[in-house]
Structure formats: C-alpha cells, structure tokens
mmCIF file of all heavy atoms, coordinates in Angstrom:
data_MODEL
# 
_entry.id   MODEL 
# 
loop_
_atom_site.group_PDB 
_atom_site.id 
_atom_site.type_symbol 
_atom_site.label_atom_id 
_atom_site.label_alt_id 
_atom_site.label_comp_id 
_atom_site.label_asym_id 
_atom_site.label_entity_id 
_atom_site.label_seq_id 
_atom_site.pdbx_PDB_ins_code 
_atom_site.Cartn_x 
_atom_site.Cartn_y 
_atom_site.Cartn_z 
_atom_site.occupancy 
_atom_site.B_iso_or_equiv 
_atom_site.pdbx_formal_charge 
_atom_site.auth_seq_id 
_atom_site.auth_comp_id 
_atom_site.auth_asym_id 
_atom_site.auth_atom_id 
_atom_site.pdbx_PDB_model_num 
ATOM 1   N N   . THR A 1 1  ? 5.553   -2.686  -4.497  1.00 0.00 ? 1  THR A N   1 
ATOM 2   C CA  . THR A 1 1  ? 5.860   -2.835  -5.921  1.00 0.00 ? 1  THR A CA  1 
ATOM 3   C C   . THR A 1 1  ? 4.744   -2.247  -6.778  1.00 0.00 ? 1  THR A C   1 
ATOM 4   O O   . THR A 1 1  ? 5.007   -1.559  -7.772  1.00 0.00 ? 1  THR A O   1 
ATOM 5   C CB  . THR A 1 1  ? 6.047   -4.319  -6.277  1.00 0.00 ? 1  THR A CB  1 
ATOM 6   O OG1 . THR A 1 1  ? 7.144   -4.845  -5.521  1.00 0.00 ? 1  THR A OG1 1 
ATOM 7   C CG2 . THR A 1 1  ? 6.344   -4.505  -7.758  1.00 0.00 ? 1  THR A CG2 1 
ATOM 8   N N   . TYR A 1 2  ? 3.504   -2.503  -6.417  1.00 0.00 ? 2  TYR A N   1 
ATOM 9   C CA  . TYR A 1 2  ? 2.371   -2.042  -7.230  1.00 0.00 ? 2  TYR A CA  1 
ATOM 10  C C   . TYR A 1 2  ? 2.146   -0.538  -7.125  1.00 0.00 ? 2  TYR A C   1 
ATOM 11  O O   . TYR A 1 2  ? 1.598   0.083   -8.039  1.00 0.00 ? 2  TYR A O   1 
ATOM 12  C CB  . TYR A 1 2  ? 1.085   -2.766  -6.815  1.00 0.00 ? 2  TYR A CB  1 
ATOM 13  C CG  . TYR A 1 2  ? 1.146   -4.270  -6.906  1.00 0.00 ? 2  TYR A CG  1 
ATOM 14  C CD1 . TYR A 1 2  ? 0.370   -5.064  -6.055  1.00 0.00 ? 2  TYR A CD1 1 
ATOM 15  C CD2 . TYR A 1 2  ? 1.960   -4.920  -7.828  1.00 0.00 ? 2  TYR A CD2 1 
ATOM 16  C CE1 . TYR A 1 2  ? 0.410   -6.445  -6.128  1.00 0.00 ? 2  TYR A CE1 1 
ATOM 17  C CE2 . TYR A 1 2  ? 2.011   -6.300  -7.901  1.00 0.00 ? 2  TYR A CE2 1 
ATOM 18  C CZ  . TYR A 1 2  ? 1.233   -7.063  -7.050  1.00 0.00 ? 2  TYR A CZ  1 
ATOM 19  O OH  . TYR A 1 2  ? 1.287   -8.437  -7.116  1.00 0.00 ? 2  TYR A OH  1 
ATOM 20  N N   . THR A 1 3  ? 2.547   0.076   -5.990  1.00 0.00 ? 3  THR A N   1 
ATOM 21  C CA  . THR A 1 3  ? 2.303   1.511   -5.803  1.00 0.00 ? 3  THR A CA  1 
ATOM 22  C C   . THR A 1 3  ? 3.557   2.358   -5.981  1.00 0.00 ? 3  THR A C   1 
ATOM 23  O O   . THR A 1 3  ? 3.460   3.568   -6.186  1.00 0.00 ? 3  THR A O   1 
ATOM 24  C CB  . THR A 1 3  ? 1.749   1.797   -4.389  1.00 0.00 ? 3  THR A CB  1 
ATOM 25  O OG1 . THR A 1 3  ? 2.742   1.424   -3.415  1.00 0.00 ? 3  THR A OG1 1 
ATOM 26  C CG2 . THR A 1 3  ? 0.462   1.039   -4.131  1.00 0.00 ? 3  THR A CG2 1 
ATOM 27  N N   . GLY A 1 4  ? 4.746   1.745   -5.826  1.00 0.00 ? 4  GLY A N   1 
ATOM 28  C CA  . GLY A 1 4  ? 5.986   2.516   -5.839  1.00 0.00 ? 4  GLY A CA  1 
ATOM 29  C C   . GLY A 1 4  ? 6.201   3.308   -4.571  1.00 0.00 ? 4  GLY A C   1 
ATOM 30  O O   . GLY A 1 4  ? 6.989   4.262   -4.552  1.00 0.00 ? 4  GLY A O   1 
ATOM 31  N N   . ARG A 1 5  ? 5.543   2.895   -3.481  1.00 0.00 ? 5  ARG A N   1 
ATOM 32  C CA  . ARG A 1 5  ? 5.619   3.669   -2.233  1.00 0.00 ? 5  ARG A CA  1 
ATOM 33  C C   . ARG A 1 5  ? 6.090   2.811   -1.062  1.00 0.00 ? 5  ARG A C   1 
ATOM 34  O O   . ARG A 1 5  ? 5.970   1.585   -1.084  1.00 0.00 ? 5  ARG A O   1 
ATOM 35  C CB  . ARG A 1 5  ? 4.254   4.295   -1.929  1.00 0.00 ? 5  ARG A CB  1 
ATOM 36  C CG  . ARG A 1 5  ? 3.963   5.512   -2.803  1.00 0.00 ? 5  ARG A CG  1 
ATOM 37  C CD  . ARG A 1 5  ? 2.493   5.861   -2.893  1.00 0.00 ? 5  ARG A CD  1 
ATOM 38  N NE  . ARG A 1 5  ? 1.858   6.193   -1.627  1.00 0.00 ? 5  ARG A NE  1 
ATOM 39  C CZ  . ARG A 1 5  ? 1.986   7.371   -1.008  1.00 0.00 ? 5  ARG A CZ  1 
ATOM 40  N NH1 . ARG A 1 5  ? 2.765   8.321   -1.505  1.00 0.00 ? 5  ARG A NH1 1 
ATOM 41  N NH2 . ARG A 1 5  ? 1.339   7.603   0.108   1.00 0.00 ? 5  ARG A NH2 1 
ATOM 42  N N   . TYR A 1 6  ? 6.629   3.485   -0.051  1.00 0.00 ? 6  TYR A N   1 
ATOM 43  C CA  . TYR A 1 6  ? 7.063   2.789   1.156   1.00 0.00 ? 6  TYR A CA  1 
ATOM 44  C C   . TYR A 1 6  ? 5.858   2.195   1.887   1.00 0.00 ? 6  TYR A C   1 
ATOM 45  O O   . TYR A 1 6  ? 4.724   2.685   1.772   1.00 0.00 ? 6  TYR A O   1 
ATOM 46  C CB  . TYR A 1 6  ? 7.796   3.749   2.093   1.00 0.00 ? 6  TYR A CB  1 
ATOM 47  C CG  . TYR A 1 6  ? 9.114   4.250   1.586   1.00 0.00 ? 6  TYR A CG  1 
ATOM 48  C CD1 . TYR A 1 6  ? 9.314   5.612   1.388   1.00 0.00 ? 6  TYR A CD1 1 
ATOM 49  C CD2 . TYR A 1 6  ? 10.175  3.369   1.323   1.00 0.00 ? 6  TYR A CD2 1 
ATOM 50  C CE1 . TYR A 1 6  ? 10.542  6.097   0.941   1.00 0.00 ? 6  TYR A CE1 1 
ATOM 51  C CE2 . TYR A 1 6  ? 11.389  3.836   0.875   1.00 0.00 ? 6  TYR A CE2 1 
ATOM 52  C CZ  . TYR A 1 6  ? 11.573  5.192   0.679   1.00 0.00 ? 6  TYR A CZ  1 
ATOM 53  O OH  . TYR A 1 6  ? 12.779  5.671   0.227   1.00 0.00 ? 6  TYR A OH  1 
ATOM 54  N N   . VAL A 1 7  ? 6.120   1.164   2.695   1.00 0.00 ? 7  VAL A N   1 
ATOM 55  C CA  . VAL A 1 7  ? 5.053   0.524   3.471   1.00 0.00 ? 7  VAL A CA  1 
ATOM 56  C C   . VAL A 1 7  ? 4.362   1.533   4.379   1.00 0.00 ? 7  VAL A C   1 
ATOM 57  O O   . VAL A 1 7  ? 3.139   1.529   4.513   1.00 0.00 ? 7  VAL A O   1 
ATOM 58  C CB  . VAL A 1 7  ? 5.631   -0.653  4.286   1.00 0.00 ? 7  VAL A CB  1 
ATOM 59  C CG1 . VAL A 1 7  ? 4.563   -1.251  5.201   1.00 0.00 ? 7  VAL A CG1 1 
ATOM 60  C CG2 . VAL A 1 7  ? 6.185   -1.729  3.348   1.00 0.00 ? 7  VAL A CG2 1 
ATOM 61  N N   . ARG A 1 8  ? 5.154   2.404   5.011   1.00 0.00 ? 8  ARG A N   1 
ATOM 62  C CA  . ARG A 1 8  ? 4.535   3.390   5.919   1.00 0.00 ? 8  ARG A CA  1 
ATOM 63  C C   . ARG A 1 8  ? 3.603   4.339   5.175   1.00 0.00 ? 8  ARG A C   1 
ATOM 64  O O   . ARG A 1 8  ? 2.733   4.971   5.779   1.00 0.00 ? 8  ARG A O   1 
ATOM 65  C CB  . ARG A 1 8  ? 5.616   4.184   6.643   1.00 0.00 ? 8  ARG A CB  1 
ATOM 66  C CG  . ARG A 1 8  ? 6.444   5.094   5.749   1.00 0.00 ? 8  ARG A CG  1 
ATOM 67  C CD  . ARG A 1 8  ? 7.365   5.976   6.575   1.00 0.00 ? 8  ARG A CD  1 
ATOM 68  N NE  . ARG A 1 8  ? 8.106   6.907   5.716   1.00 0.00 ? 8  ARG A NE  1 
ATOM 69  C CZ  . ARG A 1 8  ? 9.319   6.687   5.247   1.00 0.00 ? 8  ARG A CZ  1 
ATOM 70  N NH1 . ARG A 1 8  ? 9.935   5.553   5.534   1.00 0.00 ? 8  ARG A NH1 1 
ATOM 71  N NH2 . ARG A 1 8  ? 9.933   7.587   4.484   1.00 0.00 ? 8  ARG A NH2 1 
ATOM 72  N N   . SER A 1 9  ? 3.788   4.468   3.854   1.00 0.00 ? 9  SER A N   1 
ATOM 73  C CA  . SER A 1 9  ? 2.945   5.366   3.059   1.00 0.00 ? 9  SER A CA  1 
ATOM 74  C C   . SER A 1 9  ? 1.666   4.694   2.600   1.00 0.00 ? 9  SER A C   1 
ATOM 75  O O   . SER A 1 9  ? 0.578   5.282   2.695   1.00 0.00 ? 9  SER A O   1 
ATOM 76  C CB  . SER A 1 9  ? 3.728   5.875   1.843   1.00 0.00 ? 9  SER A CB  1 
ATOM 77  O OG  . SER A 1 9  ? 4.880   6.593   2.248   1.00 0.00 ? 9  SER A OG  1 
ATOM 78  N N   . HIS A 1 10 ? 1.776   3.456   2.080   1.00 0.00 ? 10 HIS A N   1 
ATOM 79  C CA  . HIS A 1 10 ? 0.556   2.821   1.532   1.00 0.00 ? 10 HIS A CA  1 
ATOM 80  C C   . HIS A 1 10 ? -0.273  2.103   2.584   1.00 0.00 ? 10 HIS A C   1 
ATOM 81  O O   . HIS A 1 10 ? -1.435  1.794   2.348   1.00 0.00 ? 10 HIS A O   1 
ATOM 82  C CB  . HIS A 1 10 ? 0.893   1.892   0.360   1.00 0.00 ? 10 HIS A CB  1 
ATOM 83  C CG  . HIS A 1 10 ? 1.785   0.727   0.678   1.00 0.00 ? 10 HIS A CG  1 
ATOM 84  N ND1 . HIS A 1 10 ? 1.473   -0.247  1.588   1.00 0.00 ? 10 HIS A ND1 1 
ATOM 85  C CD2 . HIS A 1 10 ? 2.997   0.381   0.150   1.00 0.00 ? 10 HIS A CD2 1 
ATOM 86  C CE1 . HIS A 1 10 ? 2.431   -1.166  1.618   1.00 0.00 ? 10 HIS A CE1 1 
ATOM 87  N NE2 . HIS A 1 10 ? 3.378   -0.792  0.773   1.00 0.00 ? 10 HIS A NE2 1 
ATOM 88  N N   . GLY A 1 11 ? 0.303   1.838   3.758   1.00 0.00 ? 11 GLY A N   1 
ATOM 89  C CA  . GLY A 1 11 ? -0.494  1.360   4.882   1.00 0.00 ? 11 GLY A CA  1 
ATOM 90  C C   . GLY A 1 11 ? -0.632  -0.140  5.021   1.00 0.00 ? 11 GLY A C   1 
ATOM 91  O O   . GLY A 1 11 ? -1.068  -0.623  6.073   1.00 0.00 ? 11 GLY A O   1 
ATOM 92  N N   . ALA A 1 12 ? -0.289  -0.931  4.012   1.00 0.00 ? 12 ALA A N   1 
ATOM 93  C CA  . ALA A 1 12 ? -0.426  -2.387  4.095   1.00 0.00 ? 12 ALA A CA  1 
ATOM 94  C C   . ALA A 1 12 ? 0.808   -2.947  4.785   1.00 0.00 ? 12 ALA A C   1 
ATOM 95  O O   . ALA A 1 12 ? 1.754   -3.409  4.150   1.00 0.00 ? 12 ALA A O   1 
ATOM 96  C CB  . ALA A 1 12 ? -0.599  -2.989  2.703   1.00 0.00 ? 12 ALA A CB  1 
ATOM 97  N N   . SER A 1 13 ? 0.808   -2.908  6.119   1.00 0.00 ? 13 SER A N   1 
ATOM 98  C CA  . SER A 1 13 ? 2.012   -3.171  6.901   1.00 0.00 ? 13 SER A CA  1 
ATOM 99  C C   . SER A 1 13 ? 2.286   -4.647  7.141   1.00 0.00 ? 13 SER A C   1 
ATOM 100 O O   . SER A 1 13 ? 3.378   -5.016  7.575   1.00 0.00 ? 13 SER A O   1 
ATOM 101 C CB  . SER A 1 13 ? 1.916   -2.449  8.250   1.00 0.00 ? 13 SER A CB  1 
ATOM 102 O OG  . SER A 1 13 ? 0.726   -2.845  8.926   1.00 0.00 ? 13 SER A OG  1 
ATOM 103 N N   . PHE A 1 14 ? 1.317   -5.509  6.867   1.00 0.00 ? 14 PHE A N   1 
ATOM 104 C CA  . PHE A 1 14 ? 1.530   -6.950  7.011   1.00 0.00 ? 14 PHE A CA  1 
ATOM 105 C C   . PHE A 1 14 ? 0.488   -7.669  6.165   1.00 0.00 ? 14 PHE A C   1 
ATOM 106 O O   . PHE A 1 14 ? -0.463  -7.055  5.665   1.00 0.00 ? 14 PHE A O   1 
ATOM 107 C CB  . PHE A 1 14 ? 1.426   -7.378  8.489   1.00 0.00 ? 14 PHE A CB  1 
ATOM 108 C CG  . PHE A 1 14 ? 2.143   -8.676  8.770   1.00 0.00 ? 14 PHE A CG  1 
ATOM 109 C CD1 . PHE A 1 14 ? 3.528   -8.720  8.829   1.00 0.00 ? 14 PHE A CD1 1 
ATOM 110 C CD2 . PHE A 1 14 ? 1.429   -9.850  8.975   1.00 0.00 ? 14 PHE A CD2 1 
ATOM 111 C CE1 . PHE A 1 14 ? 4.195   -9.915  9.084   1.00 0.00 ? 14 PHE A CE1 1 
ATOM 112 C CE2 . PHE A 1 14 ? 2.087   -11.043 9.228   1.00 0.00 ? 14 PHE A CE2 1 
ATOM 113 C CZ  . PHE A 1 14 ? 3.471   -11.088 9.286   1.00 0.00 ? 14 PHE A CZ  1 
ATOM 114 N N   . ASN A 1 15 ? 0.675   -8.982  6.005   1.00 0.00 ? 15 ASN A N   1 
ATOM 115 C CA  . ASN A 1 15 ? -0.318  -9.763  5.271   1.00 0.00 ? 15 ASN A CA  1 
ATOM 116 C C   . ASN A 1 15 ? -1.694  -9.590  5.907   1.00 0.00 ? 15 ASN A C   1 
ATOM 117 O O   . ASN A 1 15 ? -1.844  -9.675  7.130   1.00 0.00 ? 15 ASN A O   1 
ATOM 118 C CB  . ASN A 1 15 ? 0.059   -11.247 5.273   1.00 0.00 ? 15 ASN A CB  1 
ATOM 119 C CG  . ASN A 1 15 ? 1.304   -11.538 4.469   1.00 0.00 ? 15 ASN A CG  1 
ATOM 120 O OD1 . ASN A 1 15 ? 1.690   -10.761 3.598   1.00 0.00 ? 15 ASN A OD1 1 
ATOM 121 N ND2 . ASN A 1 15 ? 1.945   -12.657 4.754   1.00 0.00 ? 15 ASN A ND2 1 
ATOM 122 N N   . GLY A 1 16 ? -2.697  -9.340  5.083   1.00 0.00 ? 16 GLY A N   1 
ATOM 123 C CA  . GLY A 1 16 ? -4.051  -9.166  5.588   1.00 0.00 ? 16 GLY A CA  1 
ATOM 124 C C   . GLY A 1 16 ? -4.399  -7.751  5.979   1.00 0.00 ? 16 GLY A C   1 
ATOM 125 O O   . GLY A 1 16 ? -5.562  -7.453  6.250   1.00 0.00 ? 16 GLY A O   1 
ATOM 126 N N   . VAL A 1 17 ? -3.403  -6.862  6.020   1.00 0.00 ? 17 VAL A N   1 
ATOM 127 C CA  . VAL A 1 17 ? -3.667  -5.450  6.318   1.00 0.00 ? 17 VAL A CA  1 
ATOM 128 C C   . VAL A 1 17 ? -3.988  -4.740  5.008   1.00 0.00 ? 17 VAL A C   1 
ATOM 129 O O   . VAL A 1 17 ? -3.232  -4.828  4.040   1.00 0.00 ? 17 VAL A O   1 
ATOM 130 C CB  . VAL A 1 17 ? -2.466  -4.787  7.010   1.00 0.00 ? 17 VAL A CB  1 
ATOM 131 C CG1 . VAL A 1 17 ? -2.730  -3.308  7.256   1.00 0.00 ? 17 VAL A CG1 1 
ATOM 132 C CG2 . VAL A 1 17 ? -2.148  -5.502  8.321   1.00 0.00 ? 17 VAL A CG2 1 
ATOM 133 N N   . PRO A 1 18 ? -5.102  -4.028  4.930   1.00 0.00 ? 18 PRO A N   1 
ATOM 134 C CA  . PRO A 1 18 ? -5.556  -3.485  3.633   1.00 0.00 ? 18 PRO A CA  1 
ATOM 135 C C   . PRO A 1 18 ? -4.634  -2.423  3.047   1.00 0.00 ? 18 PRO A C   1 
ATOM 136 O O   . PRO A 1 18 ? -3.970  -1.676  3.776   1.00 0.00 ? 18 PRO A O   1 
ATOM 137 C CB  . PRO A 1 18 ? -6.923  -2.871  3.973   1.00 0.00 ? 18 PRO A CB  1 
ATOM 138 C CG  . PRO A 1 18 ? -7.354  -3.508  5.243   1.00 0.00 ? 18 PRO A CG  1 
ATOM 139 C CD  . PRO A 1 18 ? -6.090  -3.789  5.997   1.00 0.00 ? 18 PRO A CD  1 
ATOM 140 N N   . LEU A 1 19 ? -4.612  -2.385  1.730   1.00 0.00 ? 19 LEU A N   1 
ATOM 141 C CA  . LEU A 1 19 ? -4.020  -1.260  1.001   1.00 0.00 ? 19 LEU A CA  1 
ATOM 142 C C   . LEU A 1 19 ? -5.041  -0.127  1.029   1.00 0.00 ? 19 LEU A C   1 
ATOM 143 O O   . LEU A 1 19 ? -6.200  -0.312  0.648   1.00 0.00 ? 19 LEU A O   1 
ATOM 144 C CB  . LEU A 1 19 ? -3.722  -1.668  -0.440  1.00 0.00 ? 19 LEU A CB  1 
ATOM 145 C CG  . LEU A 1 19 ? -3.160  -0.569  -1.346  1.00 0.00 ? 19 LEU A CG  1 
ATOM 146 C CD1 . LEU A 1 19 ? -1.745  -0.198  -0.919  1.00 0.00 ? 19 LEU A CD1 1 
ATOM 147 C CD2 . LEU A 1 19 ? -3.179  -1.018  -2.806  1.00 0.00 ? 19 LEU A CD2 1 
ATOM 148 N N   . ARG A 1 20 ? -4.607  1.036   1.460   1.00 0.00 ? 20 ARG A N   1 
ATOM 149 C CA  . ARG A 1 20 ? -5.543  2.136   1.631   1.00 0.00 ? 20 ARG A CA  1 
ATOM 150 C C   . ARG A 1 20 ? -6.221  2.530   0.319   1.00 0.00 ? 20 ARG A C   1 
ATOM 151 O O   . ARG A 1 20 ? -5.581  2.626   -0.732  1.00 0.00 ? 20 ARG A O   1 
ATOM 152 C CB  . ARG A 1 20 ? -4.831  3.372   2.184   1.00 0.00 ? 20 ARG A CB  1 
ATOM 153 C CG  . ARG A 1 20 ? -4.351  3.253   3.612   1.00 0.00 ? 20 ARG A CG  1 
ATOM 154 C CD  . ARG A 1 20 ? -3.977  4.622   4.163   1.00 0.00 ? 20 ARG A CD  1 
ATOM 155 N NE  . ARG A 1 20 ? -3.295  4.516   5.426   1.00 0.00 ? 20 ARG A NE  1 
ATOM 156 C CZ  . ARG A 1 20 ? -1.980  4.623   5.579   1.00 0.00 ? 20 ARG A CZ  1 
ATOM 157 N NH1 . ARG A 1 20 ? -1.216  4.862   4.526   1.00 0.00 ? 20 ARG A NH1 1 
ATOM 158 N NH2 . ARG A 1 20 ? -1.426  4.517   6.768   1.00 0.00 ? 20 ARG A NH2 1 
ATOM 159 N N   . VAL A 1 21 ? -7.511  2.764   0.403   1.00 0.00 ? 21 VAL A N   1 
ATOM 160 C CA  . VAL A 1 21 ? -8.227  3.329   -0.742  1.00 0.00 ? 21 VAL A CA  1 
ATOM 161 C C   . VAL A 1 21 ? -7.566  4.644   -1.133  1.00 0.00 ? 21 VAL A C   1 
ATOM 162 O O   . VAL A 1 21 ? -7.203  5.458   -0.275  1.00 0.00 ? 21 VAL A O   1 
ATOM 163 C CB  . VAL A 1 21 ? -9.709  3.571   -0.382  1.00 0.00 ? 21 VAL A CB  1 
ATOM 164 C CG1 . VAL A 1 21 ? -10.361 4.486   -1.400  1.00 0.00 ? 21 VAL A CG1 1 
ATOM 165 C CG2 . VAL A 1 21 ? -10.467 2.265   -0.318  1.00 0.00 ? 21 VAL A CG2 1 
ATOM 166 N N   . GLY A 1 22 ? -7.411  4.845   -2.425  1.00 0.00 ? 22 GLY A N   1 
ATOM 167 C CA  . GLY A 1 22 ? -6.813  6.078   -2.917  1.00 0.00 ? 22 GLY A CA  1 
ATOM 168 C C   . GLY A 1 22 ? -5.374  5.939   -3.341  1.00 0.00 ? 22 GLY A C   1 
ATOM 169 O O   . GLY A 1 22 ? -4.829  6.850   -3.985  1.00 0.00 ? 22 GLY A O   1 
ATOM 170 N N   . GLU A 1 23 ? -4.714  4.803   -2.985  1.00 0.00 ? 23 GLU A N   1 
ATOM 171 C CA  . GLU A 1 23 ? -3.335  4.591   -3.419  1.00 0.00 ? 23 GLU A CA  1 
ATOM 172 C C   . GLU A 1 23 ? -3.315  4.287   -4.916  1.00 0.00 ? 23 GLU A C   1 
ATOM 173 O O   . GLU A 1 23 ? -4.002  3.382   -5.382  1.00 0.00 ? 23 GLU A O   1 
ATOM 174 C CB  . GLU A 1 23 ? -2.691  3.439   -2.644  1.00 0.00 ? 23 GLU A CB  1 
ATOM 175 C CG  . GLU A 1 23 ? -2.431  3.749   -1.180  1.00 0.00 ? 23 GLU A CG  1 
ATOM 176 C CD  . GLU A 1 23 ? -1.370  4.820   -0.988  1.00 0.00 ? 23 GLU A CD  1 
ATOM 177 O OE1 . GLU A 1 23 ? -0.429  4.892   -1.807  1.00 0.00 ? 23 GLU A OE1 1 
ATOM 178 O OE2 . GLU A 1 23 ? -1.480  5.589   -0.017  1.00 0.00 ? 23 GLU A OE2 1 
ATOM 179 N N   . MET A 1 24 ? -2.530  5.026   -5.665  1.00 0.00 ? 24 MET A N   1 
ATOM 180 C CA  . MET A 1 24 ? -2.388  4.790   -7.098  1.00 0.00 ? 24 MET A CA  1 
ATOM 181 C C   . MET A 1 24 ? -1.520  3.557   -7.333  1.00 0.00 ? 24 MET A C   1 
ATOM 182 O O   . MET A 1 24 ? -0.459  3.407   -6.723  1.00 0.00 ? 24 MET A O   1 
ATOM 183 C CB  . MET A 1 24 ? -1.762  6.005   -7.773  1.00 0.00 ? 24 MET A CB  1 
ATOM 184 C CG  . MET A 1 24 ? -2.635  7.237   -7.783  1.00 0.00 ? 24 MET A CG  1 
ATOM 185 S SD  . MET A 1 24 ? -3.987  7.129   -8.986  1.00 0.00 ? 24 MET A SD  1 
ATOM 186 C CE  . MET A 1 24 ? -3.066  7.318   -10.525 1.00 0.00 ? 24 MET A CE  1 
ATOM 187 N N   . THR A 1 25 ? -1.979  2.675   -8.211  1.00 0.00 ? 25 THR A N   1 
ATOM 188 C CA  . THR A 1 25 ? -1.255  1.451   -8.506  1.00 0.00 ? 25 THR A CA  1 
ATOM 189 C C   . THR A 1 25 ? -0.861  1.409   -9.989  1.00 0.00 ? 25 THR A C   1 
ATOM 190 O O   . THR A 1 25 ? -1.219  2.307   -10.764 1.00 0.00 ? 25 THR A O   1 
ATOM 191 C CB  . THR A 1 25 ? -2.110  0.221   -8.182  1.00 0.00 ? 25 THR A CB  1 
ATOM 192 O OG1 . THR A 1 25 ? -3.255  0.212   -9.044  1.00 0.00 ? 25 THR A OG1 1 
ATOM 193 C CG2 . THR A 1 25 ? -2.563  0.228   -6.724  1.00 0.00 ? 25 THR A CG2 1 
ATOM 194 N N   . ILE A 1 26 ? -0.150  0.356   -10.366 1.00 0.00 ? 26 ILE A N   1 
ATOM 195 C CA  . ILE A 1 26 ? 0.259   0.187   -11.760 1.00 0.00 ? 26 ILE A CA  1 
ATOM 196 C C   . ILE A 1 26 ? -0.938  0.337   -12.698 1.00 0.00 ? 26 ILE A C   1 
ATOM 197 O O   . ILE A 1 26 ? -0.875  1.038   -13.711 1.00 0.00 ? 26 ILE A O   1 
ATOM 198 C CB  . ILE A 1 26 ? 0.912   -1.190  -11.947 1.00 0.00 ? 26 ILE A CB  1 
ATOM 199 C CG1 . ILE A 1 26 ? 2.248   -1.253  -11.212 1.00 0.00 ? 26 ILE A CG1 1 
ATOM 200 C CG2 . ILE A 1 26 ? 1.117   -1.509  -13.431 1.00 0.00 ? 26 ILE A CG2 1 
ATOM 201 C CD1 . ILE A 1 26 ? 2.863   -2.643  -11.164 1.00 0.00 ? 26 ILE A CD1 1 
# 
C-alpha cells in the first residue's frame, strides 16, 4: 500500500522482513 508495488518487488515478503532501502513510499 505504501509503495504501490507487488511484494516480490519491494521485498518485504512477511512480517519482520525489511522493506528494501530505495523503495519510494507515499
């Protein structure tokens, strides 16, 4: 929701898995 991207794209695949640095957010 915050990035507008699929899970496979932003990398945060489960709770506790980091959102990759560099992902554009709201």
